Each structure stands twice: as structure tokens, then as C-alpha cells.
C-alpha atoms as a PDB file:
ATOM      1  CA  MET A   1     -11.212  52.414   8.714  1.00  0.00           C
ATOM      2  CA  ASP A   2      -8.966  49.870   6.884  1.00  0.00           C
ATOM      3  CA  ARG A   3      -9.014  46.435   8.004  1.00  0.00           C
ATOM      4  CA  VAL A   4      -6.830  45.130  10.639  1.00  0.00           C
ATOM      5  CA  THR A   5      -3.696  43.520   9.086  1.00  0.00           C
ATOM      6  CA  GLY A   6      -1.911  42.484  12.736  1.00  0.00           C
ATOM      7  CA  ARG A   7      -1.285  43.133  16.042  1.00  0.00           C
ATOM      8  CA  THR A   8       0.395  46.614  16.668  1.00  0.00           C
ATOM      9  CA  ASP A   9       2.789  44.853  19.183  1.00  0.00           C
ATOM     10  CA  ASP A  10       4.032  42.500  16.187  1.00  0.00           C
ATOM     11  CA  MET A  11       4.417  45.683  13.847  1.00  0.00           C
ATOM     12  CA  LEU A  12       8.007  46.623  12.525  1.00  0.00           C
ATOM     13  CA  ILE A  13       8.722  49.898  11.118  1.00  0.00           C
ATOM     14  CA  ILE A  14      11.215  49.408   8.313  1.00  0.00           C
ATOM     15  CA  ARG A  15      12.309  52.614   6.214  1.00  0.00           C
ATOM     16  CA  GLY A  16       8.831  54.274   7.495  1.00  0.00           C
ATOM     17  CA  VAL A  17       6.581  51.313   6.261  1.00  0.00           C
ATOM     18  CA  ASN A  18       4.605  49.364   8.858  1.00  0.00           C
ATOM     19  CA  VAL A  19       5.248  45.729   8.385  1.00  0.00           C
ATOM     20  CA  PHE A  20       3.389  43.015   9.949  1.00  0.00           C
ATOM     21  CA  PRO A  21       4.858  39.326  10.126  1.00  0.00           C
ATOM     22  CA  SER A  22       1.500  38.062   9.290  1.00  0.00           C
ATOM     23  CA  GLN A  23       1.598  39.923   5.985  1.00  0.00           C
ATOM     24  CA  ILE A  24       4.828  38.201   5.096  1.00  0.00           C
ATOM     25  CA  GLU A  25       3.186  34.962   6.244  1.00  0.00           C
ATOM     26  CA  GLU A  26       0.303  35.474   3.905  1.00  0.00           C
ATOM     27  CA  ILE A  27       2.522  36.239   0.866  1.00  0.00           C
ATOM     28  CA  LEU A  28       4.589  33.240   1.349  1.00  0.00           C
ATOM     29  CA  LEU A  29       1.651  30.886   1.732  1.00  0.00           C
ATOM     30  CA  GLY A  30       0.536  32.153  -1.401  1.00  0.00           C
ATOM     31  CA  ILE A  31       3.779  31.037  -3.283  1.00  0.00           C
ATOM     32  CA  GLU A  32       3.931  27.423  -4.275  1.00  0.00           C
ATOM     33  CA  GLY A  33       7.307  25.859  -3.322  1.00  0.00           C
ATOM     34  CA  THR A  34       7.614  27.736   0.024  1.00  0.00           C
ATOM     35  CA  GLN A  35       6.932  26.064   3.460  1.00  0.00           C
ATOM     36  CA  PRO A  36       5.113  27.878   6.269  1.00  0.00           C
ATOM     37  CA  HIS A  37       8.414  28.385   8.094  1.00  0.00           C
ATOM     38  CA  TYR A  38      10.187  31.774   7.859  1.00  0.00           C
ATOM     39  CA  GLN A  39      12.169  34.363   9.915  1.00  0.00           C
ATOM     40  CA  ILE A  40      12.455  38.047   9.526  1.00  0.00           C
ATOM     41  CA  VAL A  41      15.870  39.473  10.349  1.00  0.00           C
ATOM     42  CA  VAL A  42      15.947  43.261  10.749  1.00  0.00           C
ATOM     43  CA  ASP A  43      19.322  45.042  10.921  1.00  0.00           C
ATOM     44  CA  ARG A  44      20.477  48.488  10.570  1.00  0.00           C
ATOM     45  CA  ARG A  45      23.207  49.331   8.078  1.00  0.00           C
ATOM     46  CA  GLY A  46      24.261  53.113   8.493  1.00  0.00           C
ATOM     47  CA  ALA A  47      21.227  55.113   8.825  1.00  0.00           C
ATOM     48  CA  MET A  48      18.835  52.814   7.089  1.00  0.00           C
ATOM     49  CA  ASP A  49      16.965  49.697   8.428  1.00  0.00           C
ATOM     50  CA  ASP A  50      17.346  46.676   6.084  1.00  0.00           C
ATOM     51  CA  MET A  51      15.125  43.517   6.240  1.00  0.00           C
ATOM     52  CA  GLU A  52      15.905  39.992   5.155  1.00  0.00           C
ATOM     53  CA  VAL A  53      13.202  37.332   4.917  1.00  0.00           C
ATOM     54  CA  ARG A  54      14.702  33.731   5.373  1.00  0.00           C
ATOM     55  CA  VAL A  55      12.408  31.329   3.810  1.00  0.00           C
ATOM     56  CA  GLU A  56      12.049  27.361   3.761  1.00  0.00           C
ATOM     57  CA  VAL A  57      11.487  26.067   0.576  1.00  0.00           C
ATOM     58  CA  GLY A  58      10.130  22.410  -0.162  1.00  0.00           C
ATOM     59  CA  GLU A  59      12.422  19.384  -0.981  1.00  0.00           C
ATOM     60  CA  ALA A  60      11.427  19.336  -4.337  1.00  0.00           C
ATOM     61  CA  LEU A  61      12.407  23.067  -5.119  1.00  0.00           C
ATOM     62  CA  PHE A  62      15.734  22.872  -2.990  1.00  0.00           C
ATOM     63  CA  SER A  63      18.223  21.442  -5.583  1.00  0.00           C
ATOM     64  CA  ASP A  64      21.584  22.074  -7.171  1.00  0.00           C
ATOM     65  CA  ARG A  65      20.225  24.335 -10.001  1.00  0.00           C
ATOM     66  CA  VAL A  66      21.470  27.670  -8.697  1.00  0.00           C
ATOM     67  CA  ARG A  67      19.773  29.419 -11.607  1.00  0.00           C
ATOM     68  CA  GLU A  68      16.434  28.076 -10.978  1.00  0.00           C
ATOM     69  CA  LEU A  69      16.969  29.079  -7.321  1.00  0.00           C
ATOM     70  CA  GLU A  70      17.903  32.717  -7.754  1.00  0.00           C
ATOM     71  CA  ALA A  71      15.020  33.096 -10.157  1.00  0.00           C
ATOM     72  CA  PHE A  72      12.580  31.936  -7.336  1.00  0.00           C
ATOM     73  CA  GLU A  73      14.450  33.950  -4.712  1.00  0.00           C
ATOM     74  CA  ARG A  74      13.812  37.145  -6.998  1.00  0.00           C
ATOM     75  CA  ASN A  75      10.162  36.291  -7.608  1.00  0.00           C
ATOM     76  CA  VAL A  76       9.620  36.175  -3.836  1.00  0.00           C
ATOM     77  CA  ALA A  77      11.290  39.354  -3.239  1.00  0.00           C
ATOM     78  CA  THR A  78       9.349  40.937  -6.042  1.00  0.00           C
ATOM     79  CA  LYS A  79       6.046  39.751  -4.560  1.00  0.00           C
ATOM     80  CA  ILE A  80       6.735  40.912  -1.256  1.00  0.00           C
ATOM     81  CA  GLU A  81       7.910  44.106  -2.719  1.00  0.00           C
ATOM     82  CA  ASN A  82       4.662  44.735  -4.601  1.00  0.00           C
ATOM     83  CA  ILE A  83       2.342  44.153  -1.667  1.00  0.00           C
ATOM     84  CA  LEU A  84       4.356  45.823   1.179  1.00  0.00           C
ATOM     85  CA  GLY A  85       6.118  48.643  -1.243  1.00  0.00           C
ATOM     86  CA  LEU A  86       9.453  47.761   0.462  1.00  0.00           C
ATOM     87  CA  ARG A  87      12.397  46.119  -0.966  1.00  0.00           C
ATOM     88  CA  VAL A  88      13.900  43.161   1.172  1.00  0.00           C
ATOM     89  CA  ARG A  89      16.555  40.516   0.721  1.00  0.00           C
ATOM     90  CA  VAL A  90      15.127  37.008   0.551  1.00  0.00           C
ATOM     91  CA  LYS A  91      17.239  34.066   1.439  1.00  0.00           C
ATOM     92  CA  LEU A  92      16.166  30.501   0.641  1.00  0.00           C
ATOM     93  CA  MET A  93      16.671  27.897   3.226  1.00  0.00           C
ATOM     94  CA  GLU A  94      16.980  24.104   3.425  1.00  0.00           C
ATOM     95  CA  PRO A  95      13.923  22.429   4.552  1.00  0.00           C
ATOM     96  CA  GLY A  96      14.068  21.904   8.249  1.00  0.00           C
ATOM     97  CA  SER A  97      16.745  24.519   8.772  1.00  0.00           C
ATOM     98  CA  ILE A  98      14.572  27.147  10.606  1.00  0.00           C
ATOM     99  CA  GLU A  99      14.373  26.701  14.261  1.00  0.00           C
ATOM    100  CA  ARG A 100      10.799  25.034  15.345  1.00  0.00           C
ATOM    101  CA  SER A 101       9.588  25.908  18.802  1.00  0.00           C
ATOM    102  CA  MET A 102       6.758  24.233  20.862  1.00  0.00           C
ATOM    103  CA  GLY A 103       5.207  27.665  21.826  1.00  0.00           C
ATOM    104  CA  LYS A 104       4.906  30.767  19.649  1.00  0.00           C
ATOM    105  CA  ALA A 105       7.272  30.794  16.966  1.00  0.00           C
ATOM    106  CA  LYS A 106      10.182  33.360  16.769  1.00  0.00           C
ATOM    107  CA  ARG A 107       9.559  34.828  13.543  1.00  0.00           C
ATOM    108  CA  VAL A 108      11.398  38.208  13.980  1.00  0.00           C
ATOM    109  CA  ILE A 109      14.995  38.645  14.800  1.00  0.00           C
ATOM    110  CA  ASP A 110      15.721  42.466  15.495  1.00  0.00           C
ATOM    111  CA  GLN A 111      19.472  43.040  15.352  1.00  0.00           C
ATOM    112  CA  ARG A 112      19.089  47.073  15.296  1.00  0.00           C
ATOM    113  CA  ASP A 113      20.808  48.837  18.173  1.00  0.00           C
ATOM    114  CA  LEU A 114      17.985  51.406  18.669  1.00  0.00           C
ATOM    115  CA  SER A 115      19.965  52.941  21.573  1.00  0.00           C
ATOM    116  CA  LYS A 116      21.984  55.190  19.433  1.00  0.00           C
END
């Protein structure tokens, strides 16, 4: 039996890969410059699911140097792909831009229309 990676009710299935938000959080916490605030946005484009990870970065990293931000974004996406085996889009967000909540944080926004 493999180790437990998260609750099954938190699990997403993206292109046949089981993804737990806790896996994303663990990856992001290991990357210097990211904040512990993130959101996962799942959408469907045609027949394929698409996942975007919105990540808050620290004040020091959030700058006007576009090339550095793009390189950092690619680095985060590569680390997620290497761990999950799934290519995702990463969008860097300004510090404080992801909604905070008093209770359980809303980490996943599922925009797929699964009724079709």
C-alpha cells in the first residue's frame, strides 16, 4: 500500500491523473519565493481538462522584471510537472491577491461542466 497523499474527497482527476491539492501545496512550500496562498482552477477545453495553478509570490520576487518572473513561472510549472506527471499552467499573483477566508480556504475552483 502506498502512503496516503490526501483525502479522496479533495482529489481531482485531470487527464487521468489523480491530483490532490495537498500535493500542490507541498511542492509550492518547497519553492523559495512562493507564499502558502494558491488556487487551482480546473476548466475543460474541448474534451481535455486543463489546470491552472495561481500562486502568490513574495514582495521581493514580484517586480517589473518580466523575464525573471517568466523564468520563475516556468520553474514552478516544471517542478509540478515532474512530481505529478501532469503539465499545468502557472500564473504568478501579487501578494495578497488570492482571497483569504476565516474557515477552510477555497483552494479549488472547478469550472468544468460535467453534465455533458
